[in-house]
Amino acid sequence: MIVVIVIAMISAFAAQQSGLLSSLGQSPALDLSASQAWVSPVDGSGQILLKVRNSGTGMLRIKSITFVATKVASTVIYFTSGSAPTPAFNATGIFTAQAGHMYTDTNGAGITSDGYLFVPGGARVTLEFTFTEKLSNVFNAGSTYKLTVETSGEVYSSTLTFSG
């Protein structure tokens, strides 16, 4: 019996030292509820402010954010890596790689070298896209669109309403 207890204690200590237990109980929680968007039906201008908040304790690694049921076949936000990592907006046939801006309130949040948006637990990141024309070719003012957020492990969904 004593041998079993000693082996269990050694195993628990080894797991803790190797970091296996530190990730237990950590869970990311994606919150996009503070996001805002508008589109002008007159001139097609508009803006998308996706306010990504990880209200959990684990890390989020977001690969892409897809808008469902838009006027075009594919509308997605993805993240480019390299010397100047940026968020990019693509709406097939309308916009190709429209660069955006990223703002964060947390050190360590940002775009990784492998093209993911990294958002640690408790962090907030704002993705901003401003359009001078053609956004009304993708979105309708007053309509709500489903967002599918693909991460390195899970898929989340949310909605975004465009005011006019």
N, C-alpha and C. Protein backbone atom coordinates (compact mmCIF):
# COMPACT_ATOMS: atom_id res chain seq x y z
N MET A 1 0.81 -1.19 0.00
CA MET A 1 0.00 0.00 0.00
C MET A 1 0.86 1.27 0.00
N ILE A 2 1.91 1.26 0.81
CA ILE A 2 2.80 2.40 0.89
C ILE A 2 3.50 2.62 -0.46
N VAL A 3 3.85 1.53 -1.13
CA VAL A 3 4.51 1.63 -2.43
C VAL A 3 3.58 2.32 -3.43
N VAL A 4 2.30 1.98 -3.43
CA VAL A 4 1.32 2.58 -4.34
C VAL A 4 1.20 4.08 -4.07
N ILE A 5 1.14 4.48 -2.81
CA ILE A 5 1.02 5.89 -2.45
C ILE A 5 2.27 6.65 -2.88
N VAL A 6 3.44 6.08 -2.67
CA VAL A 6 4.69 6.73 -3.06
C VAL A 6 4.75 6.90 -4.58
N ILE A 7 4.37 5.87 -5.32
CA ILE A 7 4.36 5.96 -6.79
C ILE A 7 3.38 7.02 -7.26
N ALA A 8 2.20 7.09 -6.64
CA ALA A 8 1.20 8.10 -7.01
C ALA A 8 1.73 9.51 -6.74
N MET A 9 2.41 9.70 -5.60
CA MET A 9 2.96 11.01 -5.26
C MET A 9 4.07 11.40 -6.24
N ILE A 10 4.92 10.46 -6.61
CA ILE A 10 5.99 10.73 -7.57
C ILE A 10 5.39 11.09 -8.93
N SER A 11 4.36 10.38 -9.35
CA SER A 11 3.71 10.65 -10.64
C SER A 11 3.06 12.04 -10.65
N ALA A 12 2.39 12.40 -9.55
CA ALA A 12 1.76 13.72 -9.48
C ALA A 12 2.80 14.82 -9.50
N PHE A 13 3.89 14.63 -8.79
CA PHE A 13 4.97 15.62 -8.78
C PHE A 13 5.58 15.78 -10.17
N ALA A 14 5.83 14.67 -10.85
CA ALA A 14 6.40 14.71 -12.20
C ALA A 14 5.46 15.41 -13.17
N ALA A 15 4.15 15.15 -13.07
CA ALA A 15 3.17 15.79 -13.95
C ALA A 15 3.13 17.29 -13.71
N GLN A 16 3.19 17.68 -12.44
CA GLN A 16 3.17 19.11 -12.13
C GLN A 16 4.41 19.79 -12.66
N GLN A 17 5.56 19.18 -12.50
CA GLN A 17 6.82 19.77 -12.96
C GLN A 17 6.87 19.88 -14.48
N SER A 18 6.22 18.96 -15.18
CA SER A 18 6.25 19.01 -16.64
C SER A 18 5.15 19.89 -17.20
N GLY A 19 4.32 20.48 -16.35
CA GLY A 19 3.30 21.41 -16.81
C GLY A 19 1.98 20.77 -17.19
N LEU A 20 1.84 19.47 -17.00
CA LEU A 20 0.59 18.81 -17.40
C LEU A 20 -0.59 19.25 -16.55
N LEU A 21 -0.36 19.52 -15.28
CA LEU A 21 -1.48 19.89 -14.42
C LEU A 21 -1.81 21.38 -14.50
N SER A 22 -0.88 22.19 -14.98
CA SER A 22 -1.12 23.63 -15.01
C SER A 22 -2.21 24.02 -16.00
N SER A 23 -2.42 23.22 -17.04
CA SER A 23 -3.44 23.56 -18.02
C SER A 23 -4.82 23.01 -17.66
N LEU A 24 -4.90 22.14 -16.66
CA LEU A 24 -6.20 21.61 -16.24
C LEU A 24 -7.03 22.74 -15.65
N GLY A 25 -8.28 22.79 -15.97
CA GLY A 25 -9.16 23.81 -15.43
C GLY A 25 -9.09 25.13 -16.18
N GLN A 26 -8.21 25.24 -17.17
CA GLN A 26 -8.15 26.46 -17.96
C GLN A 26 -9.02 26.29 -19.19
N SER A 27 -9.90 27.24 -19.39
CA SER A 27 -10.82 27.15 -20.51
C SER A 27 -11.04 28.54 -21.09
N PRO A 28 -10.76 28.72 -22.40
CA PRO A 28 -11.02 30.02 -23.01
C PRO A 28 -12.53 30.23 -23.17
N ALA A 29 -12.95 31.47 -23.22
CA ALA A 29 -14.36 31.81 -23.44
C ALA A 29 -14.41 33.02 -24.37
N LEU A 30 -14.86 32.81 -25.59
CA LEU A 30 -14.92 33.88 -26.59
C LEU A 30 -16.16 34.73 -26.41
N ASP A 31 -15.96 36.04 -26.38
CA ASP A 31 -17.06 36.99 -26.25
C ASP A 31 -16.89 38.07 -27.32
N LEU A 32 -17.87 38.16 -28.24
CA LEU A 32 -17.86 39.19 -29.29
C LEU A 32 -19.01 40.18 -29.12
N SER A 33 -19.65 40.16 -27.96
CA SER A 33 -20.89 40.93 -27.76
C SER A 33 -20.71 42.44 -27.86
N ALA A 34 -19.52 42.97 -27.66
CA ALA A 34 -19.30 44.41 -27.75
C ALA A 34 -18.99 44.86 -29.18
N SER A 35 -18.99 43.95 -30.13
CA SER A 35 -18.66 44.27 -31.52
C SER A 35 -19.73 45.18 -32.13
N GLN A 36 -19.30 45.99 -33.11
CA GLN A 36 -20.21 46.92 -33.78
C GLN A 36 -19.92 46.94 -35.27
N ALA A 37 -20.94 47.22 -36.07
CA ALA A 37 -20.74 47.35 -37.51
C ALA A 37 -21.83 48.24 -38.09
N TRP A 38 -21.48 48.95 -39.14
CA TRP A 38 -22.48 49.75 -39.86
C TRP A 38 -22.12 49.76 -41.33
N VAL A 39 -23.15 49.95 -42.14
CA VAL A 39 -22.97 50.04 -43.58
C VAL A 39 -23.96 51.08 -44.12
N SER A 40 -23.48 51.93 -45.01
CA SER A 40 -24.33 52.94 -45.63
C SER A 40 -24.94 52.37 -46.90
N PRO A 41 -26.28 52.30 -46.98
CA PRO A 41 -26.91 51.83 -48.21
C PRO A 41 -26.79 52.85 -49.35
N VAL A 42 -26.40 54.09 -49.03
CA VAL A 42 -26.30 55.15 -50.03
C VAL A 42 -25.00 55.05 -50.82
N ASP A 43 -23.86 55.06 -50.11
CA ASP A 43 -22.57 55.05 -50.82
C ASP A 43 -21.75 53.78 -50.59
N GLY A 44 -22.25 52.84 -49.78
CA GLY A 44 -21.56 51.58 -49.56
C GLY A 44 -20.43 51.63 -48.56
N SER A 45 -20.21 52.79 -47.94
CA SER A 45 -19.14 52.89 -46.94
C SER A 45 -19.58 52.17 -45.66
N GLY A 46 -18.63 51.96 -44.76
CA GLY A 46 -18.97 51.32 -43.51
C GLY A 46 -17.77 50.97 -42.68
N GLN A 47 -18.04 50.33 -41.56
CA GLN A 47 -16.97 49.94 -40.65
C GLN A 47 -17.39 48.69 -39.88
N ILE A 48 -16.40 47.84 -39.63
CA ILE A 48 -16.59 46.65 -38.80
C ILE A 48 -15.59 46.76 -37.65
N LEU A 49 -16.09 46.74 -36.42
CA LEU A 49 -15.26 46.71 -35.22
C LEU A 49 -15.57 45.41 -34.49
N LEU A 50 -14.72 44.41 -34.68
CA LEU A 50 -14.89 43.15 -33.96
C LEU A 50 -14.10 43.24 -32.67
N LYS A 51 -14.80 43.22 -31.56
CA LYS A 51 -14.16 43.32 -30.25
C LYS A 51 -14.11 41.92 -29.65
N VAL A 52 -12.94 41.32 -29.77
CA VAL A 52 -12.72 39.94 -29.33
C VAL A 52 -12.25 39.98 -27.88
N ARG A 53 -12.98 39.29 -27.02
CA ARG A 53 -12.62 39.23 -25.61
C ARG A 53 -12.55 37.78 -25.19
N ASN A 54 -11.47 37.41 -24.54
CA ASN A 54 -11.35 36.07 -23.97
C ASN A 54 -11.65 36.20 -22.49
N SER A 55 -12.88 35.91 -22.10
CA SER A 55 -13.28 36.06 -20.70
C SER A 55 -12.95 34.81 -19.89
N GLY A 56 -12.28 33.85 -20.50
CA GLY A 56 -11.88 32.63 -19.80
C GLY A 56 -10.45 32.72 -19.30
N THR A 57 -9.92 31.58 -18.90
CA THR A 57 -8.57 31.53 -18.35
C THR A 57 -7.57 30.89 -19.31
N GLY A 58 -8.03 30.13 -20.28
CA GLY A 58 -7.13 29.52 -21.25
C GLY A 58 -6.86 30.46 -22.41
N MET A 59 -6.04 30.04 -23.34
CA MET A 59 -5.72 30.89 -24.49
C MET A 59 -6.62 30.57 -25.67
N LEU A 60 -6.89 31.60 -26.47
CA LEU A 60 -7.61 31.45 -27.74
C LEU A 60 -6.62 31.64 -28.87
N ARG A 61 -6.66 30.74 -29.84
CA ARG A 61 -5.87 30.90 -31.07
C ARG A 61 -6.87 30.84 -32.21
N ILE A 62 -7.21 32.02 -32.75
CA ILE A 62 -8.25 32.13 -33.77
C ILE A 62 -7.61 32.09 -35.15
N LYS A 63 -8.06 31.15 -35.98
CA LYS A 63 -7.55 31.01 -37.34
C LYS A 63 -8.31 31.91 -38.31
N SER A 64 -9.65 31.94 -38.19
CA SER A 64 -10.45 32.76 -39.10
C SER A 64 -11.82 33.03 -38.50
N ILE A 65 -12.48 34.07 -39.03
CA ILE A 65 -13.84 34.43 -38.66
C ILE A 65 -14.63 34.54 -39.95
N THR A 66 -15.62 33.68 -40.10
CA THR A 66 -16.40 33.63 -41.34
C THR A 66 -17.79 34.21 -41.10
N PHE A 67 -18.24 35.06 -42.02
CA PHE A 67 -19.59 35.62 -41.99
C PHE A 67 -20.48 34.71 -42.82
N VAL A 68 -21.62 34.29 -42.27
CA VAL A 68 -22.54 33.39 -42.95
C VAL A 68 -23.71 34.18 -43.52
N ALA A 69 -24.18 33.78 -44.71
CA ALA A 69 -25.38 34.34 -45.36
C ALA A 69 -25.19 35.77 -45.84
N THR A 70 -24.00 36.09 -46.30
CA THR A 70 -23.77 37.41 -46.89
C THR A 70 -24.20 37.37 -48.36
N LYS A 71 -24.08 38.49 -49.03
CA LYS A 71 -24.48 38.58 -50.43
C LYS A 71 -23.49 37.90 -51.38
N VAL A 72 -22.32 37.54 -50.87
CA VAL A 72 -21.30 36.88 -51.70
C VAL A 72 -21.01 35.49 -51.15
N ALA A 73 -20.35 34.66 -51.96
CA ALA A 73 -20.14 33.26 -51.61
C ALA A 73 -19.28 33.08 -50.36
N SER A 74 -18.25 33.88 -50.21
CA SER A 74 -17.34 33.69 -49.07
C SER A 74 -16.91 35.04 -48.52
N THR A 75 -17.13 35.23 -47.23
CA THR A 75 -16.70 36.44 -46.54
C THR A 75 -15.98 36.02 -45.27
N VAL A 76 -14.70 36.36 -45.17
CA VAL A 76 -13.89 35.85 -44.06
C VAL A 76 -12.85 36.88 -43.61
N ILE A 77 -12.56 36.85 -42.32
CA ILE A 77 -11.44 37.59 -41.75
C ILE A 77 -10.39 36.55 -41.39
N TYR A 78 -9.17 36.81 -41.82
CA TYR A 78 -8.06 35.92 -41.50
C TYR A 78 -6.87 36.77 -41.09
N PHE A 79 -5.78 36.12 -40.73
CA PHE A 79 -4.64 36.83 -40.14
C PHE A 79 -3.37 36.50 -40.92
N THR A 80 -2.70 37.55 -41.40
CA THR A 80 -1.47 37.36 -42.16
C THR A 80 -0.28 37.49 -41.22
N SER A 81 0.69 36.62 -41.41
CA SER A 81 1.90 36.68 -40.60
C SER A 81 3.00 37.34 -41.41
N GLY A 82 4.18 37.38 -40.90
CA GLY A 82 5.30 37.98 -41.61
C GLY A 82 5.82 39.19 -40.88
N SER A 83 6.49 40.07 -41.62
CA SER A 83 7.12 41.23 -40.98
C SER A 83 6.11 42.25 -40.47
N ALA A 84 4.93 42.30 -41.08
CA ALA A 84 3.88 43.21 -40.63
C ALA A 84 2.57 42.44 -40.50
N PRO A 85 2.40 41.66 -39.42
CA PRO A 85 1.18 40.87 -39.27
C PRO A 85 -0.05 41.76 -39.14
N THR A 86 -1.09 41.44 -39.91
CA THR A 86 -2.32 42.24 -39.89
C THR A 86 -3.54 41.34 -40.05
N PRO A 87 -4.69 41.82 -39.59
CA PRO A 87 -5.93 41.14 -39.94
C PRO A 87 -6.31 41.52 -41.36
N ALA A 88 -6.96 40.62 -42.07
CA ALA A 88 -7.37 40.89 -43.45
C ALA A 88 -8.81 40.45 -43.64
N PHE A 89 -9.56 41.24 -44.44
CA PHE A 89 -10.96 40.96 -44.75
C PHE A 89 -11.06 40.60 -46.22
N ASN A 90 -11.71 39.49 -46.52
CA ASN A 90 -11.88 39.06 -47.90
C ASN A 90 -13.34 38.72 -48.15
N ALA A 91 -13.93 39.34 -49.15
CA ALA A 91 -15.28 39.02 -49.61
C ALA A 91 -15.14 38.69 -51.09
N THR A 92 -15.28 37.42 -51.41
CA THR A 92 -15.02 36.94 -52.77
C THR A 92 -15.71 37.80 -53.82
N GLY A 93 -14.94 38.30 -54.77
CA GLY A 93 -15.47 39.11 -55.86
C GLY A 93 -15.66 40.58 -55.53
N ILE A 94 -15.57 40.98 -54.27
CA ILE A 94 -15.76 42.37 -53.87
C ILE A 94 -14.47 42.95 -53.30
N PHE A 95 -13.96 42.31 -52.25
CA PHE A 95 -12.72 42.73 -51.60
C PHE A 95 -11.78 41.53 -51.55
N THR A 96 -10.53 41.75 -51.87
CA THR A 96 -9.53 40.71 -51.71
C THR A 96 -8.45 41.24 -50.79
N ALA A 97 -8.29 40.62 -49.64
CA ALA A 97 -7.27 40.98 -48.65
C ALA A 97 -7.28 42.46 -48.29
N GLN A 98 -8.44 42.97 -47.91
CA GLN A 98 -8.56 44.34 -47.42
C GLN A 98 -7.93 44.37 -46.03
N ALA A 99 -6.80 45.08 -45.89
CA ALA A 99 -6.08 45.12 -44.61
C ALA A 99 -6.86 45.90 -43.57
N GLY A 100 -6.79 45.43 -42.34
CA GLY A 100 -7.43 46.10 -41.22
C GLY A 100 -6.39 46.50 -40.19
N HIS A 101 -6.86 46.94 -39.04
CA HIS A 101 -6.00 47.33 -37.94
C HIS A 101 -6.36 46.49 -36.72
N MET A 102 -5.38 46.28 -35.87
CA MET A 102 -5.59 45.52 -34.64
C MET A 102 -5.11 46.35 -33.46
N TYR A 103 -5.94 46.39 -32.42
CA TYR A 103 -5.60 47.09 -31.18
C TYR A 103 -5.80 46.12 -30.03
N THR A 104 -4.88 46.15 -29.05
CA THR A 104 -5.01 45.24 -27.92
C THR A 104 -4.67 45.97 -26.62
N ASP A 105 -5.26 45.50 -25.53
CA ASP A 105 -4.98 46.08 -24.22
C ASP A 105 -4.07 45.18 -23.39
N THR A 106 -3.53 44.14 -24.01
CA THR A 106 -2.76 43.15 -23.26
C THR A 106 -1.47 42.81 -23.99
N ASN A 107 -0.36 42.85 -23.28
CA ASN A 107 0.90 42.37 -23.85
C ASN A 107 0.77 40.87 -24.11
N GLY A 108 1.30 40.42 -25.22
CA GLY A 108 1.22 39.00 -25.56
C GLY A 108 0.10 38.67 -26.52
N ALA A 109 -0.92 39.52 -26.61
CA ALA A 109 -1.99 39.30 -27.57
C ALA A 109 -1.51 39.81 -28.93
N GLY A 110 -1.88 39.11 -29.99
CA GLY A 110 -1.48 39.55 -31.31
C GLY A 110 -1.53 38.42 -32.32
N ILE A 111 -0.94 38.65 -33.47
CA ILE A 111 -0.95 37.67 -34.55
C ILE A 111 0.36 36.90 -34.50
N THR A 112 0.24 35.58 -34.50
CA THR A 112 1.41 34.71 -34.39
C THR A 112 2.06 34.51 -35.76
N SER A 113 3.25 33.96 -35.76
CA SER A 113 3.99 33.73 -37.00
C SER A 113 3.34 32.69 -37.89
N ASP A 114 2.43 31.87 -37.33
CA ASP A 114 1.73 30.88 -38.14
C ASP A 114 0.32 31.32 -38.53
N GLY A 115 0.01 32.62 -38.40
CA GLY A 115 -1.25 33.17 -38.90
C GLY A 115 -2.46 32.96 -38.02
N TYR A 116 -2.29 32.97 -36.71
CA TYR A 116 -3.40 32.89 -35.76
C TYR A 116 -3.47 34.20 -34.97
N LEU A 117 -4.68 34.58 -34.56
CA LEU A 117 -4.85 35.66 -33.61
C LEU A 117 -4.78 35.03 -32.23
N PHE A 118 -3.78 35.41 -31.44
CA PHE A 118 -3.58 34.86 -30.10
C PHE A 118 -4.18 35.81 -29.09
N VAL A 119 -5.12 35.29 -28.27
CA VAL A 119 -5.79 36.10 -27.25
C VAL A 119 -5.70 35.35 -25.93
N PRO A 120 -4.79 35.76 -25.03
CA PRO A 120 -4.67 35.09 -23.74
C PRO A 120 -5.92 35.31 -22.88
N GLY A 121 -6.06 34.51 -21.82
CA GLY A 121 -7.19 34.66 -20.90
C GLY A 121 -7.26 36.07 -20.34
N GLY A 122 -8.44 36.67 -20.36
CA GLY A 122 -8.66 38.01 -19.85
C GLY A 122 -8.33 39.13 -20.82
N ALA A 123 -7.80 38.81 -21.99
CA ALA A 123 -7.36 39.84 -22.95
C ALA A 123 -8.50 40.31 -23.86
N ARG A 124 -8.30 41.52 -24.40
CA ARG A 124 -9.23 42.09 -25.38
C ARG A 124 -8.43 42.54 -26.60
N VAL A 125 -8.99 42.24 -27.78
CA VAL A 125 -8.39 42.66 -29.04
C VAL A 125 -9.50 43.24 -29.90
N THR A 126 -9.26 44.39 -30.51
CA THR A 126 -10.21 44.98 -31.44
C THR A 126 -9.66 44.89 -32.85
N LEU A 127 -10.46 44.35 -33.76
CA LEU A 127 -10.13 44.29 -35.18
C LEU A 127 -10.98 45.35 -35.87
N GLU A 128 -10.33 46.27 -36.58
CA GLU A 128 -11.04 47.38 -37.21
C GLU A 128 -10.84 47.34 -38.72
N PHE A 129 -11.96 47.39 -39.44
CA PHE A 129 -11.95 47.45 -40.90
C PHE A 129 -12.83 48.62 -41.32
N THR A 130 -12.27 49.55 -42.10
CA THR A 130 -13.00 50.73 -42.57
C THR A 130 -13.08 50.68 -44.09
N PHE A 131 -14.27 50.93 -44.62
CA PHE A 131 -14.52 50.84 -46.06
C PHE A 131 -15.08 52.16 -46.56
N THR A 132 -14.59 52.62 -47.71
CA THR A 132 -15.11 53.85 -48.30
C THR A 132 -16.18 53.55 -49.35
N GLU A 133 -16.29 52.29 -49.76
CA GLU A 133 -17.29 51.89 -50.76
C GLU A 133 -17.45 50.37 -50.76
N LYS A 134 -18.47 49.89 -51.43
CA LYS A 134 -18.73 48.48 -51.73
C LYS A 134 -19.09 47.57 -50.55
N LEU A 135 -19.10 48.07 -49.32
CA LEU A 135 -19.48 47.19 -48.21
C LEU A 135 -20.95 46.80 -48.31
N SER A 136 -21.77 47.67 -48.90
CA SER A 136 -23.19 47.34 -49.08
C SER A 136 -23.39 46.25 -50.14
N ASN A 137 -22.34 45.91 -50.89
CA ASN A 137 -22.41 44.78 -51.82
C ASN A 137 -22.25 43.45 -51.09
N VAL A 138 -21.88 43.52 -49.81
CA VAL A 138 -21.65 42.32 -49.00
C VAL A 138 -22.70 42.19 -47.90
N PHE A 139 -23.02 43.31 -47.23
CA PHE A 139 -23.92 43.31 -46.07
C PHE A 139 -25.07 44.28 -46.28
N ASN A 140 -26.22 43.98 -45.71
CA ASN A 140 -27.38 44.88 -45.72
C ASN A 140 -27.49 45.60 -44.39
N ALA A 141 -27.76 46.89 -44.43
CA ALA A 141 -28.02 47.65 -43.21
C ALA A 141 -29.26 47.08 -42.54
N GLY A 142 -29.19 46.93 -41.23
CA GLY A 142 -30.31 46.39 -40.46
C GLY A 142 -30.35 44.88 -40.41
N SER A 143 -29.42 44.19 -41.02
CA SER A 143 -29.40 42.72 -41.02
C SER A 143 -28.40 42.19 -40.01
N THR A 144 -28.70 41.01 -39.50
CA THR A 144 -27.83 40.32 -38.55
C THR A 144 -27.22 39.12 -39.25
N TYR A 145 -25.92 38.94 -39.06
CA TYR A 145 -25.19 37.86 -39.70
C TYR A 145 -24.55 36.96 -38.65
N LYS A 146 -24.55 35.68 -38.92
CA LYS A 146 -23.90 34.71 -38.04
C LYS A 146 -22.40 34.72 -38.33
N LEU A 147 -21.60 34.66 -37.27
CA LEU A 147 -20.15 34.56 -37.38
C LEU A 147 -19.73 33.18 -36.90
N THR A 148 -18.87 32.54 -37.65
CA THR A 148 -18.28 31.28 -37.24
C THR A 148 -16.80 31.54 -37.00
N VAL A 149 -16.36 31.30 -35.78
CA VAL A 149 -14.98 31.57 -35.38
C VAL A 149 -14.25 30.24 -35.24
N GLU A 150 -13.27 30.03 -36.13
CA GLU A 150 -12.50 28.79 -36.11
C GLU A 150 -11.21 29.02 -35.32
N THR A 151 -11.02 28.21 -34.29
CA THR A 151 -9.81 28.31 -33.48
C THR A 151 -8.95 27.07 -33.72
N SER A 152 -7.87 26.99 -32.99
CA SER A 152 -7.00 25.82 -33.12
C SER A 152 -7.62 24.58 -32.52
N GLY A 153 -8.71 24.71 -31.77
CA GLY A 153 -9.31 23.55 -31.13
C GLY A 153 -10.82 23.47 -31.25
N GLU A 154 -11.51 24.59 -31.24
CA GLU A 154 -12.96 24.59 -31.24
C GLU A 154 -13.49 25.56 -32.30
N VAL A 155 -14.79 25.46 -32.53
CA VAL A 155 -15.47 26.41 -33.41
C VAL A 155 -16.55 27.10 -32.57
N TYR A 156 -16.52 28.42 -32.56
CA TYR A 156 -17.50 29.23 -31.81
C TYR A 156 -18.42 29.92 -32.80
N SER A 157 -19.61 30.32 -32.36
CA SER A 157 -20.48 31.14 -33.18
C SER A 157 -21.00 32.32 -32.39
N SER A 158 -21.30 33.36 -33.15
CA SER A 158 -21.82 34.61 -32.60
C SER A 158 -22.62 35.28 -33.70
N THR A 159 -23.14 36.47 -33.43
CA THR A 159 -23.84 37.24 -34.46
C THR A 159 -23.34 38.67 -34.44
N LEU A 160 -23.54 39.35 -35.57
CA LEU A 160 -23.18 40.76 -35.69
C LEU A 160 -24.27 41.45 -36.53
N THR A 161 -24.84 42.52 -35.99
CA THR A 161 -25.86 43.29 -36.68
C THR A 161 -25.26 44.56 -37.27
N PHE A 162 -25.56 44.81 -38.53
CA PHE A 162 -25.08 46.01 -39.21
C PHE A 162 -26.16 47.08 -39.12
N SER A 163 -25.82 48.20 -38.50
CA SER A 163 -26.73 49.33 -38.50
C SER A 163 -26.55 50.10 -39.81
N GLY A 164 -27.47 51.02 -40.09
CA GLY A 164 -27.39 51.73 -41.36
C GLY A 164 -27.39 53.21 -41.25
